[in-house]
C-alpha atoms as a PDB file:
ATOM      1  CA  UNK A   1       0.000   0.000   0.000  1.00  0.00           C
ATOM      2  CA  UNK A   2       1.218   3.469  -0.818  1.00  0.00           C
ATOM      3  CA  UNK A   3       1.412   6.267   1.704  1.00  0.00           C
ATOM      4  CA  UNK A   4       0.400   9.866   1.066  1.00  0.00           C
ATOM      5  CA  UNK A   5       3.363  12.050   0.211  1.00  0.00           C
ATOM      6  CA  UNK A   6       2.030  15.590   0.427  1.00  0.00           C
ATOM      7  CA  UNK A   7      -1.333  16.789   1.724  1.00  0.00           C
ATOM      8  CA  UNK A   8      -2.406  20.391   1.408  1.00  0.00           C
ATOM      9  CA  UNK A   9      -4.344  22.354   3.994  1.00  0.00           C
ATOM     10  CA  UNK A  10      -8.012  21.397   4.004  1.00  0.00           C
ATOM     11  CA  UNK A  11      -7.512  18.297   1.857  1.00  0.00           C
ATOM     12  CA  UNK A  12      -8.852  14.879   2.793  1.00  0.00           C
ATOM     13  CA  UNK A  13      -7.974  11.338   1.754  1.00  0.00           C
ATOM     14  CA  UNK A  14      -9.630   8.035   0.933  1.00  0.00           C
ATOM     15  CA  UNK A  15      -7.920   4.670   1.172  1.00  0.00           C
ATOM     16  CA  UNK A  16      -7.916   2.599  -2.032  1.00  0.00           C
ATOM     17  CA  UNK A  17      -6.633  -0.821  -3.000  1.00  0.00           C
ATOM     18  CA  UNK A  18      -6.930  -3.361  -5.778  1.00  0.00           C
ATOM     19  CA  UNK A  19      -8.796  -6.564  -5.061  1.00  0.00           C
ATOM     20  CA  UNK A  20      -6.363  -9.383  -5.756  1.00  0.00           C
ATOM     21  CA  UNK A  21      -8.938 -11.820  -7.153  1.00  0.00           C
ATOM     22  CA  UNK A  22      -9.961  -9.627 -10.073  1.00  0.00           C
ATOM     23  CA  UNK A  23      -7.932  -6.394  -9.880  1.00  0.00           C
ATOM     24  CA  UNK A  24     -10.936  -4.158  -9.276  1.00  0.00           C
ATOM     25  CA  UNK A  25     -10.352  -0.944  -7.356  1.00  0.00           C
ATOM     26  CA  UNK A  26     -11.957  -0.902  -3.905  1.00  0.00           C
ATOM     27  CA  UNK A  27     -12.296   1.823  -1.275  1.00  0.00           C
ATOM     28  CA  UNK A  28     -12.145   1.464   2.499  1.00  0.00           C
ATOM     29  CA  UNK A  29     -15.448   2.334   4.194  1.00  0.00           C
ATOM     30  CA  UNK A  30     -15.808   3.760   7.711  1.00  0.00           C
ATOM     31  CA  UNK A  31     -16.800   0.310   9.021  1.00  0.00           C
ATOM     32  CA  UNK A  32     -13.527  -1.207   7.762  1.00  0.00           C
ATOM     33  CA  UNK A  33     -15.009  -3.063   4.807  1.00  0.00           C
ATOM     34  CA  UNK A  34     -13.813  -2.643   1.220  1.00  0.00           C
ATOM     35  CA  UNK A  35     -16.449  -1.250  -1.146  1.00  0.00           C
ATOM     36  CA  UNK A  36     -16.624  -1.148  -4.951  1.00  0.00           C
ATOM     37  CA  UNK A  37     -17.962   2.422  -5.024  1.00  0.00           C
ATOM     38  CA  UNK A  38     -16.023   5.514  -3.983  1.00  0.00           C
ATOM     39  CA  UNK A  39     -19.336   6.897  -2.726  1.00  0.00           C
ATOM     40  CA  UNK A  40     -18.983   4.531   0.257  1.00  0.00           C
ATOM     41  CA  UNK A  41     -15.368   5.492   1.031  1.00  0.00           C
ATOM     42  CA  UNK A  42     -14.525   6.934   4.427  1.00  0.00           C
ATOM     43  CA  UNK A  43     -13.145  10.448   4.029  1.00  0.00           C
ATOM     44  CA  UNK A  44     -10.054  10.657   6.219  1.00  0.00           C
ATOM     45  CA  UNK A  45      -8.157  13.583   7.634  1.00  0.00           C
ATOM     46  CA  UNK A  46      -4.380  13.497   7.222  1.00  0.00           C
ATOM     47  CA  UNK A  47      -4.136  12.859  10.987  1.00  0.00           C
ATOM     48  CA  UNK A  48      -6.365   9.749  10.783  1.00  0.00           C
ATOM     49  CA  UNK A  49      -5.027   8.394   7.513  1.00  0.00           C
ATOM     50  CA  UNK A  50      -1.851   6.751   8.854  1.00  0.00           C
ATOM     51  CA  UNK A  51      -3.662   4.801  11.597  1.00  0.00           C
ATOM     52  CA  UNK A  52      -6.390   3.608   9.207  1.00  0.00           C
ATOM     53  CA  UNK A  53      -3.734   2.541   6.693  1.00  0.00           C
ATOM     54  CA  UNK A  54      -1.838   0.669   9.420  1.00  0.00           C
ATOM     55  CA  UNK A  55      -5.028  -1.115  10.560  1.00  0.00           C
ATOM     56  CA  UNK A  56      -5.893  -2.090   6.978  1.00  0.00           C
ATOM     57  CA  UNK A  57      -2.356  -3.364   6.355  1.00  0.00           C
ATOM     58  CA  UNK A  58      -2.347  -5.494   9.512  1.00  0.00           C
ATOM     59  CA  UNK A  59      -5.766  -6.905   8.641  1.00  0.00           C
ATOM     60  CA  UNK A  60      -4.600  -7.844   5.140  1.00  0.00           C
ATOM     61  CA  UNK A  61      -1.485  -9.499   6.531  1.00  0.00           C
ATOM     62  CA  UNK A  62      -3.567 -11.580   8.993  1.00  0.00           C
ATOM     63  CA  UNK A  63      -5.918 -12.648   6.199  1.00  0.00           C
ATOM     64  CA  UNK A  64      -2.982 -13.695   4.012  1.00  0.00           C
ATOM     65  CA  UNK A  65      -1.505 -15.796   6.804  1.00  0.00           C
ATOM     66  CA  UNK A  66      -4.870 -17.537   7.249  1.00  0.00           C
ATOM     67  CA  UNK A  67      -5.178 -18.079   3.498  1.00  0.00           C
ATOM     68  CA  UNK A  68      -8.308 -15.952   3.043  1.00  0.00           C
END
């Protein structure tokens, strides 16, 4: 997963990924699920972005270890 490099004042972020099964782009929702529509994406402040990215990364790593 890529990290944000430069965020301007007043800007917000959404967390995106590609689904490995089919390559579709997905967006992280506020409830932690991955959605196929950006309309469902959680809008994150730069302060919250790093922790949400870290949580998503750890979750993906756990799922890979379990073979899901």
